[in-house]
């Protein structure tokens, strides 16, 4: 499809010399200017670009913050306060970084659910999806380690509780916990390990993102119809069509981001984390950051410690095999009425698990968490495979262009061979 759009041609002798030896400009042009994309992409497809920009924001602010942060159990909390008060615009950098983590996860959850809704994990994009899940896992590790660095009460006790979970692993669990701690309790060696890994992992994420984009450009993007590109009429060049849409969505997203940074910078944090870590005082209710709460609810829903750890990791690992669990040949939920209903039930279940993760692990909260946890796994392991067998999809258009033109014409898609609407009613 690249052949349908203008190719990059250097206009100067210097440009031609450079392009013949290192065609970096040509690669960027082919990838972000002339690259063909489906003409019916909607705003749900803009979150990939938003995530790329947010990764850059997190890396830049993190590098500057690392210049002033002291990874010491005695000085970490004070160094964060010093950044807030004494470093020029340190308060802004810290709020951008802390709230940026939450906005990063908002965008990635939307991106994941969009991929599920439109079947972006189906053949031939299985590897593209798997790379995305790897990025998600690296993000979770980075976010958890970053949450420990302020060395407040919730940082310390969150690290203690979560790292202790590995002790449930038979034979090697205790050794893993001792290695993570750097001793026999959470302390300064733990903080140094987490600081080093928190600094390193974003660059690993950037590397996997490059592979993710590369895989996307090999297989091409999906679209709301779930139909592959068939002709020049189905595609438009990336610039200006996608860049303008992405830019508008990014501005809207940054308005929300800025509202948190400037008006509610501590809204998404826990009050106990503004108190210096004290190993002798346990908070009444230990909870992780909000973006980990669904998995925390699954962990606590299982009575066995080992069972809870297995269920928590399985809730993420099941995403790796999602391309093979969904047996339907139809990609988009727009043409799968039953799947669409179960999809929205799953969204509600995940939100419910997030809320339950913030509640005390007692009484009705535990019962509700067990019910929602059971449904979560049933959706992937039972419902999806059965839907592919028993569901009757709606007719799909012959091409992307047909779907777009029928919508612009004000009528619904009409399968080939169906009679036209009476004149005056089409």
Protein backbone atom coordinates (compact mmCIF):
# COMPACT_ATOMS: atom_id res chain seq x y z
CA UNK A 1 0.00 0.00 0.00
CA UNK A 2 2.97 2.34 0.38
CA UNK A 3 3.14 2.55 -3.40
CA UNK A 4 -0.18 4.42 -3.50
CA UNK A 5 1.26 7.45 -1.67
CA UNK A 6 4.19 9.79 -2.51
CA UNK A 7 7.60 8.38 -1.60
CA UNK A 8 10.32 10.32 0.14
CA UNK A 9 12.66 12.07 -2.28
CA UNK A 10 15.49 14.25 -0.83
CA UNK A 11 15.52 17.66 -2.46
CA UNK A 12 19.13 18.68 -1.79
CA UNK A 13 22.49 17.08 -2.60
CA UNK A 14 23.27 16.86 1.13
CA UNK A 15 19.91 15.18 1.74
CA UNK A 16 20.53 12.64 -1.03
CA UNK A 17 24.04 11.93 0.29
CA UNK A 18 22.74 11.40 3.83
CA UNK A 19 19.77 9.29 2.67
CA UNK A 20 22.01 6.95 0.67
CA UNK A 21 24.10 6.23 3.76
CA UNK A 22 21.62 6.42 6.64
CA UNK A 23 17.98 6.56 5.47
CA UNK A 24 16.62 7.66 8.86
CA UNK A 25 14.53 10.48 7.39
CA UNK A 26 13.11 8.10 4.77
CA UNK A 27 12.19 5.62 7.51
CA UNK A 28 10.39 8.32 9.51
CA UNK A 29 8.61 9.54 6.40
CA UNK A 30 7.48 6.05 5.44
CA UNK A 31 6.37 5.30 9.02
CA UNK A 32 4.65 8.53 10.04
CA UNK A 33 3.78 10.43 6.86
CA UNK A 34 3.05 8.10 3.94
CA UNK A 35 2.21 5.03 6.01
CA UNK A 36 -1.28 3.84 4.96
CA UNK A 37 -3.89 3.48 7.70
CA UNK A 38 -7.52 2.34 7.50
CA UNK A 39 -9.72 5.30 6.69
CA UNK A 40 -12.29 4.50 9.40
CA UNK A 41 -10.11 4.69 12.52
CA UNK A 42 -11.92 6.41 15.41
CA UNK A 43 -10.64 8.23 18.50
CA UNK A 44 -10.26 5.00 20.48
CA UNK A 45 -7.24 4.33 18.24
CA UNK A 46 -5.45 7.49 19.39
CA UNK A 47 -4.38 6.07 22.76
CA UNK A 48 -1.35 4.32 21.28
CA UNK A 49 0.10 7.70 20.33
CA UNK A 50 -0.90 9.15 23.71
CA UNK A 51 0.96 6.32 25.45
CA UNK A 52 4.10 7.05 23.43
CA UNK A 53 4.05 10.70 24.48
CA UNK A 54 3.34 9.79 28.11
CA UNK A 55 6.33 7.43 28.10
CA UNK A 56 8.55 10.30 26.97
CA UNK A 57 7.11 12.55 29.70
CA UNK A 58 7.75 9.89 32.36
CA UNK A 59 11.33 9.27 31.23
CA UNK A 60 12.23 12.97 31.04
CA UNK A 61 10.72 13.91 34.39
CA UNK A 62 12.13 10.75 35.98
CA UNK A 63 15.68 11.48 34.81
CA UNK A 64 15.57 15.00 36.30
CA UNK A 65 14.03 13.79 39.56
CA UNK A 66 16.75 11.12 39.86
CA UNK A 67 19.33 13.94 39.90
CA UNK A 68 17.93 15.14 43.23
CA UNK A 69 16.57 11.96 44.81
CA UNK A 70 18.62 10.14 47.49
CA UNK A 71 17.91 6.36 47.64
CA UNK A 72 18.57 6.07 51.35
CA UNK A 73 16.18 4.88 54.06
CA UNK A 74 17.22 7.87 56.17
CA UNK A 75 17.11 10.52 53.44
CA UNK A 76 14.64 9.36 50.75
CA UNK A 77 11.56 10.96 52.32
CA UNK A 78 13.43 14.20 53.07
CA UNK A 79 14.89 14.32 49.54
CA UNK A 80 11.37 14.16 48.06
CA UNK A 81 10.35 17.05 50.34
CA UNK A 82 13.47 18.96 49.26
CA UNK A 83 12.55 18.42 45.60
CA UNK A 84 9.09 19.81 46.33
CA UNK A 85 10.34 22.89 48.19
CA UNK A 86 13.90 23.79 47.18
CA UNK A 87 14.44 22.58 43.61
CA UNK A 88 13.31 25.02 40.92
CA UNK A 89 9.98 23.72 39.64
CA UNK A 90 10.62 20.52 41.57
CA UNK A 91 6.98 20.45 42.66
CA UNK A 92 5.92 20.52 39.02
CA UNK A 93 8.32 17.74 38.03
CA UNK A 94 7.19 15.56 40.91
CA UNK A 95 3.48 16.10 40.24
CA UNK A 96 3.97 15.52 36.52
CA UNK A 97 5.77 12.25 37.24
CA UNK A 98 3.42 10.99 39.96
CA UNK A 99 0.18 11.88 38.17
CA UNK A 100 1.75 10.91 34.85
CA UNK A 101 1.97 7.33 36.12
CA UNK A 102 -1.78 7.33 36.76
CA UNK A 103 -2.53 8.91 33.37
CA UNK A 104 -0.23 6.35 31.76
CA UNK A 105 -2.31 3.53 33.25
CA UNK A 106 -5.59 5.24 32.31
CA UNK A 107 -4.42 5.31 28.69
CA UNK A 108 -3.07 1.73 28.73
CA UNK A 109 -6.31 0.32 30.17
CA UNK A 110 -8.33 2.11 27.48
CA UNK A 111 -5.85 0.82 24.89
CA UNK A 112 -6.16 -2.77 26.13
CA UNK A 113 -9.95 -2.76 26.26
CA UNK A 114 -10.10 -1.16 22.81
CA UNK A 115 -7.93 -4.00 21.53
CA UNK A 116 -10.28 -6.53 23.11
CA UNK A 117 -13.39 -4.85 21.70
CA UNK A 118 -12.10 -4.68 18.14
CA UNK A 119 -10.26 -8.03 18.20
CA UNK A 120 -6.81 -6.53 17.70
CA UNK A 121 -5.24 -9.69 19.11
CA UNK A 122 -6.49 -12.00 16.36
CA UNK A 123 -4.41 -13.48 13.55
CA UNK A 124 -2.02 -12.21 12.20
CA UNK A 125 -1.46 -9.81 15.12
CA UNK A 126 -0.85 -12.30 17.93
CA UNK A 127 2.78 -11.23 18.44
CA UNK A 128 1.76 -7.56 18.37
CA UNK A 129 -0.69 -8.28 21.22
CA UNK A 130 1.86 -10.32 23.20
CA UNK A 131 4.39 -7.49 22.98
CA UNK A 132 1.68 -5.15 24.31
CA UNK A 133 1.08 -7.44 27.31
CA UNK A 134 4.84 -7.51 27.97
CA UNK A 135 4.82 -3.70 27.99
CA UNK A 136 1.92 -3.82 30.46
CA UNK A 137 3.86 -6.15 32.79
CA UNK A 138 6.94 -3.92 32.63
CA UNK A 139 4.74 -0.91 33.38
CA UNK A 140 3.31 -2.64 36.44
CA UNK A 141 6.79 -3.49 37.74
CA UNK A 142 7.98 0.06 37.10
CA UNK A 143 4.91 1.58 38.75
CA UNK A 144 5.23 -0.62 41.84
CA UNK A 145 8.90 0.18 42.34
CA UNK A 146 8.25 3.87 41.78
CA UNK A 147 5.54 3.81 44.45
CA UNK A 148 8.11 2.59 46.97
CA UNK A 149 10.64 5.39 46.33
CA UNK A 150 8.97 8.23 48.34
CA UNK A 151 9.48 5.97 51.40
CA UNK A 152 6.24 6.97 53.06
CA UNK A 153 4.16 4.67 55.23
CA UNK A 154 2.22 3.17 52.33
CA UNK A 155 5.41 2.84 50.27
CA UNK A 156 7.15 0.87 53.00
CA UNK A 157 4.26 -1.37 53.96
CA UNK A 158 3.13 -1.87 50.37
CA UNK A 159 6.62 -3.09 49.52
CA UNK A 160 6.59 -5.36 52.58
CA UNK A 161 3.24 -6.96 51.74
CA UNK A 162 3.75 -7.37 47.99
CA UNK A 163 7.31 -8.70 48.12
CA UNK A 164 6.29 -11.10 50.89
CA UNK A 165 3.90 -12.76 48.45
CA UNK A 166 6.82 -14.42 46.70
CA UNK A 167 7.51 -16.41 49.85
CA UNK A 168 4.44 -18.52 48.93
CA UNK A 169 6.34 -20.00 45.96
CA UNK A 170 7.52 -23.50 46.93
CA UNK A 171 11.26 -24.13 47.36
CA UNK A 172 12.58 -20.81 45.98
CA UNK A 173 10.11 -18.33 47.51
CA UNK A 174 12.18 -17.41 50.57
CA UNK A 175 15.33 -16.97 48.49
CA UNK A 176 13.50 -14.63 46.09
CA UNK A 177 12.17 -12.51 48.95
CA UNK A 178 15.62 -12.28 50.57
CA UNK A 179 17.12 -11.21 47.22
CA UNK A 180 14.43 -8.58 46.69
CA UNK A 181 14.90 -7.19 50.18
CA UNK A 182 18.69 -7.39 50.12
CA UNK A 183 18.44 -8.75 53.66
CA UNK A 184 15.86 -10.08 56.07
CA UNK A 185 13.49 -7.10 56.04
CA UNK A 186 12.53 -4.20 53.78
CA UNK A 187 15.18 -1.55 54.24
CA UNK A 188 17.87 0.49 52.51
CA UNK A 189 19.12 -2.34 50.24
CA UNK A 190 15.51 -2.82 49.08
CA UNK A 191 15.20 0.87 48.31
CA UNK A 192 18.46 0.86 46.34
CA UNK A 193 17.36 -2.15 44.29
CA UNK A 194 13.99 -0.63 43.51
CA UNK A 195 15.52 2.73 42.60
CA UNK A 196 17.95 1.10 40.15
CA UNK A 197 15.23 -1.03 38.54
CA UNK A 198 12.76 1.85 38.43
CA UNK A 199 15.33 3.90 36.53
CA UNK A 200 16.20 1.03 34.15
CA UNK A 201 12.78 -0.42 33.30
CA UNK A 202 11.37 2.62 31.39
CA UNK A 203 14.21 2.28 28.88
CA UNK A 204 13.35 -1.42 28.52
CA UNK A 205 9.73 -0.38 27.97
CA UNK A 206 10.89 2.03 25.25
CA UNK A 207 12.74 -0.82 23.54
CA UNK A 208 9.69 -3.12 23.59
CA UNK A 209 7.53 -0.21 22.36
CA UNK A 210 9.81 0.04 19.30
CA UNK A 211 9.26 -3.68 18.66
CA UNK A 212 5.52 -3.16 19.22
CA UNK A 213 5.37 -0.37 16.61
CA UNK A 214 7.53 -2.41 14.25
CA UNK A 215 5.15 -5.38 14.53
CA UNK A 216 2.22 -3.01 13.96
CA UNK A 217 3.75 -1.70 10.74
CA UNK A 218 4.38 -5.24 9.49
CA UNK A 219 0.82 -6.50 10.00
CA UNK A 220 -1.00 -3.18 9.61
CA UNK A 221 -3.58 -1.65 11.91
CA UNK A 222 -6.95 -3.11 12.68
CA UNK A 223 -10.04 -0.95 12.35
CA UNK A 224 -13.59 -0.80 13.80
CA UNK A 225 -14.98 -3.12 11.10
CA UNK A 226 -12.33 -5.78 11.74
CA UNK A 227 -11.84 -6.20 7.98
CA UNK A 228 -8.40 -6.23 6.38
CA UNK A 229 -7.39 -3.54 3.90
CA UNK A 230 -8.23 -4.67 0.36
CA UNK A 231 -7.63 -1.68 -1.91
CA UNK A 232 -6.41 1.90 -2.10
CA UNK A 233 -9.95 3.09 -1.31
CA UNK A 234 -9.67 1.54 2.17
CA UNK A 235 -6.68 3.57 3.31
CA UNK A 236 -5.46 7.14 3.78
CA UNK A 237 -1.94 8.42 4.53
CA UNK A 238 -0.95 8.64 8.21
CA UNK A 239 -0.32 12.38 7.83
CA UNK A 240 -2.48 14.41 8.04
CA UNK A 241 -5.37 12.05 8.85
CA UNK A 242 -3.98 10.24 11.89
CA UNK A 243 -1.64 13.00 13.08
CA UNK A 244 -4.42 15.60 13.28
CA UNK A 245 -6.73 13.19 15.10
CA UNK A 246 -3.95 12.07 17.45
CA UNK A 247 -2.97 15.67 18.16
CA UNK A 248 -6.54 16.64 19.05
CA UNK A 249 -6.93 13.60 21.33
CA UNK A 250 -3.57 14.36 22.95
CA UNK A 251 -4.64 17.94 23.72
CA UNK A 252 -7.86 16.68 25.33
CA UNK A 253 -5.91 14.10 27.33
CA UNK A 254 -3.39 16.68 28.50
CA UNK A 255 -6.19 18.97 29.67
CA UNK A 256 -7.30 16.16 32.00
CA UNK A 257 -3.68 15.48 32.97
CA UNK A 258 -3.09 19.18 33.70
CA UNK A 259 -6.22 19.38 35.86
CA UNK A 260 -4.80 16.73 38.17
CA UNK A 261 -1.30 18.26 38.16
CA UNK A 262 -2.39 21.83 38.95
CA UNK A 263 -5.68 21.44 40.82
CA UNK A 264 -5.77 17.96 42.40
CA UNK A 265 -2.12 16.81 42.49
CA UNK A 266 -2.56 14.54 45.53
CA UNK A 267 -6.03 13.21 44.71
CA UNK A 268 -4.76 9.87 43.41
CA UNK A 269 -2.25 9.36 46.23
CA UNK A 270 -2.79 7.82 49.66
CA UNK A 271 -2.69 10.14 52.74
CA UNK A 272 -0.47 7.70 54.67
CA UNK A 273 2.26 8.11 52.06
CA UNK A 274 2.82 11.69 53.22
CA UNK A 275 4.08 10.31 56.54
CA UNK A 276 7.65 9.00 56.72
CA UNK A 277 7.97 5.20 56.77
CA UNK A 278 7.91 3.69 60.25
CA UNK A 279 8.52 -0.07 60.54
CA UNK A 280 6.95 -0.04 64.03
CA UNK A 281 3.57 1.41 62.99
CA UNK A 282 1.38 -0.58 60.60
CA UNK A 283 -1.29 1.37 58.65
CA UNK A 284 -4.88 0.34 59.36
CA UNK A 285 -5.47 -0.61 55.73
CA UNK A 286 -2.61 -1.31 53.30
CA UNK A 287 -3.53 -0.72 49.66
CA UNK A 288 -1.46 -0.28 46.47
CA UNK A 289 -1.95 2.46 43.90
CA UNK A 290 -5.38 2.52 42.24
CA UNK A 291 -4.18 0.92 39.00
CA UNK A 292 -3.19 -2.26 40.89
CA UNK A 293 -6.44 -2.58 42.84
CA UNK A 294 -8.24 -5.10 40.54
CA UNK A 295 -5.31 -7.51 40.84
CA UNK A 296 -5.05 -6.85 44.57
CA UNK A 297 -8.73 -7.80 44.94
CA UNK A 298 -8.10 -11.06 43.06
CA UNK A 299 -5.11 -11.78 45.31
CA UNK A 300 -7.18 -11.34 48.48
CA UNK A 301 -10.22 -13.20 47.13
CA UNK A 302 -8.41 -16.55 47.34
CA UNK A 303 -8.17 -18.00 50.88
CA UNK A 304 -4.78 -19.63 50.23
CA UNK A 305 -1.71 -17.37 50.05
CA UNK A 306 -0.17 -19.44 47.25
CA UNK A 307 -3.54 -19.66 45.50
CA UNK A 308 -3.94 -15.89 45.68
CA UNK A 309 -0.50 -15.30 44.16
CA UNK A 310 -1.20 -17.81 41.38
CA UNK A 311 -4.61 -16.23 40.65
CA UNK A 312 -3.16 -12.70 40.61
CA UNK A 313 -0.44 -13.59 38.10
CA UNK A 314 -2.81 -15.80 36.11
CA UNK A 315 -5.18 -12.83 35.69
CA UNK A 316 -2.43 -11.12 33.68
CA UNK A 317 -0.91 -14.19 32.03
CA UNK A 318 -4.30 -15.18 30.59
CA UNK A 319 -3.98 -12.14 28.33
CA UNK A 320 -0.98 -13.78 26.63
CA UNK A 321 -3.15 -16.63 25.34
CA UNK A 322 -6.21 -14.48 24.54
CA UNK A 323 -5.62 -14.77 20.74
CA UNK A 324 -6.18 -18.52 21.01
CA UNK A 325 -8.99 -18.45 23.58
CA UNK A 326 -11.26 -16.36 21.34
CA UNK A 327 -12.35 -18.88 18.70
CA UNK A 328 -14.55 -16.55 16.64
CA UNK A 329 -13.43 -15.69 13.10
CA UNK A 330 -15.05 -12.24 13.39
CA UNK A 331 -12.82 -9.56 14.89
CA UNK A 332 -14.91 -6.53 15.71
CA UNK A 333 -17.53 -6.53 18.47
CA UNK A 334 -19.59 -4.26 16.19
CA UNK A 335 -20.70 -7.45 14.39
CA UNK A 336 -20.80 -9.73 17.45
CA UNK A 337 -23.90 -8.82 19.51
CA UNK A 338 -23.43 -11.46 22.22
CA UNK A 339 -19.72 -10.82 22.59
CA UNK A 340 -20.42 -7.10 22.94
CA UNK A 341 -22.71 -7.73 25.92
CA UNK A 342 -20.18 -9.98 27.64
CA UNK A 343 -17.42 -7.47 26.91
CA UNK A 344 -19.23 -4.71 28.80
CA UNK A 345 -19.96 -7.11 31.65
CA UNK A 346 -16.19 -7.76 31.84
CA UNK A 347 -15.51 -4.01 31.97
CA UNK A 348 -17.97 -3.64 34.87
CA UNK A 349 -16.38 -6.64 36.62
CA UNK A 350 -12.90 -5.11 36.34
CA UNK A 351 -14.12 -1.79 37.71
CA UNK A 352 -15.89 -3.67 40.51
CA UNK A 353 -12.69 -5.54 41.35
CA UNK A 354 -10.85 -2.23 41.48
CA UNK A 355 -13.34 -0.85 43.98
CA UNK A 356 -13.25 -4.03 46.07
CA UNK A 357 -9.46 -3.85 46.14
CA UNK A 358 -9.74 -0.56 48.02
CA UNK A 359 -12.11 -2.03 50.63
CA UNK A 360 -11.10 -3.95 53.78
CA UNK A 361 -10.73 -7.72 53.16
CA UNK A 362 -13.70 -8.72 55.30
CA UNK A 363 -17.36 -9.75 55.15
CA UNK A 364 -19.35 -9.05 52.01
CA UNK A 365 -16.33 -7.47 50.26
CA UNK A 366 -14.50 -10.81 50.20
CA UNK A 367 -17.58 -12.66 48.94
CA UNK A 368 -18.12 -10.11 46.16
CA UNK A 369 -14.43 -10.25 45.20
CA UNK A 370 -14.62 -14.06 44.89
CA UNK A 371 -17.70 -13.85 42.66
CA UNK A 372 -16.12 -11.25 40.37
CA UNK A 373 -12.80 -13.11 40.30
CA UNK A 374 -14.60 -16.29 39.24
CA UNK A 375 -16.41 -14.40 36.48
CA UNK A 376 -13.15 -12.79 35.29
CA UNK A 377 -11.58 -16.19 34.61
CA UNK A 378 -14.84 -17.66 33.27
CA UNK A 379 -14.97 -14.89 30.68
CA UNK A 380 -11.60 -15.82 29.20
CA UNK A 381 -11.53 -19.58 29.75
CA UNK A 382 -15.17 -20.53 29.12
CA UNK A 383 -17.32 -17.75 27.65
CA UNK A 384 -14.95 -16.64 24.86
CA UNK A 385 -14.34 -20.15 23.46
CA UNK A 386 -18.06 -20.97 23.56
CA UNK A 387 -19.08 -17.68 21.93
CA UNK A 388 -16.93 -18.53 18.93
CA UNK A 389 -18.93 -21.75 18.52
CA UNK A 390 -22.50 -20.66 19.24
CA UNK A 391 -22.66 -16.95 18.39
CA UNK A 392 -24.18 -15.85 15.08
CA UNK A 393 -22.37 -12.68 13.92
CA UNK A 394 -24.08 -9.91 11.99
CA UNK A 395 -23.27 -9.51 8.26
CA UNK A 396 -20.10 -7.55 7.63
CA UNK A 397 -19.42 -5.10 4.79
CA UNK A 398 -17.36 -6.24 1.84
CA UNK A 399 -14.66 -3.63 2.50
CA UNK A 400 -13.69 -0.74 4.76
CA UNK A 401 -14.68 1.71 2.03
CA UNK A 402 -18.17 0.19 1.80
CA UNK A 403 -18.63 0.56 5.57
CA UNK A 404 -17.50 4.21 5.51
CA UNK A 405 -19.56 5.17 2.46
CA UNK A 406 -22.71 3.49 3.77
CA UNK A 407 -22.36 5.39 7.04
CA UNK A 408 -21.77 8.69 5.26
CA UNK A 409 -24.81 8.02 3.14
CA UNK A 410 -26.93 7.91 6.27
CA UNK A 411 -27.97 4.27 5.88
CA UNK A 412 -26.96 1.04 7.54
CA UNK A 413 -24.66 -1.43 5.82
CA UNK A 414 -26.59 -3.58 3.37
CA UNK A 415 -25.16 -7.06 2.62
CA UNK A 416 -24.42 -7.86 -1.00
CA UNK A 417 -27.55 -8.95 -2.85
CA UNK A 418 -29.96 -7.32 -0.41
CA UNK A 419 -32.67 -5.13 -1.98
CA UNK A 420 -32.15 -1.38 -1.94
CA UNK A 421 -34.32 0.79 0.30
CA UNK A 422 -37.38 2.33 -1.39
CA UNK A 423 -36.76 5.73 -2.88
CA UNK A 424 -37.20 8.49 -0.35
CA UNK A 425 -36.55 6.18 2.62
CA UNK A 426 -32.87 5.24 2.10
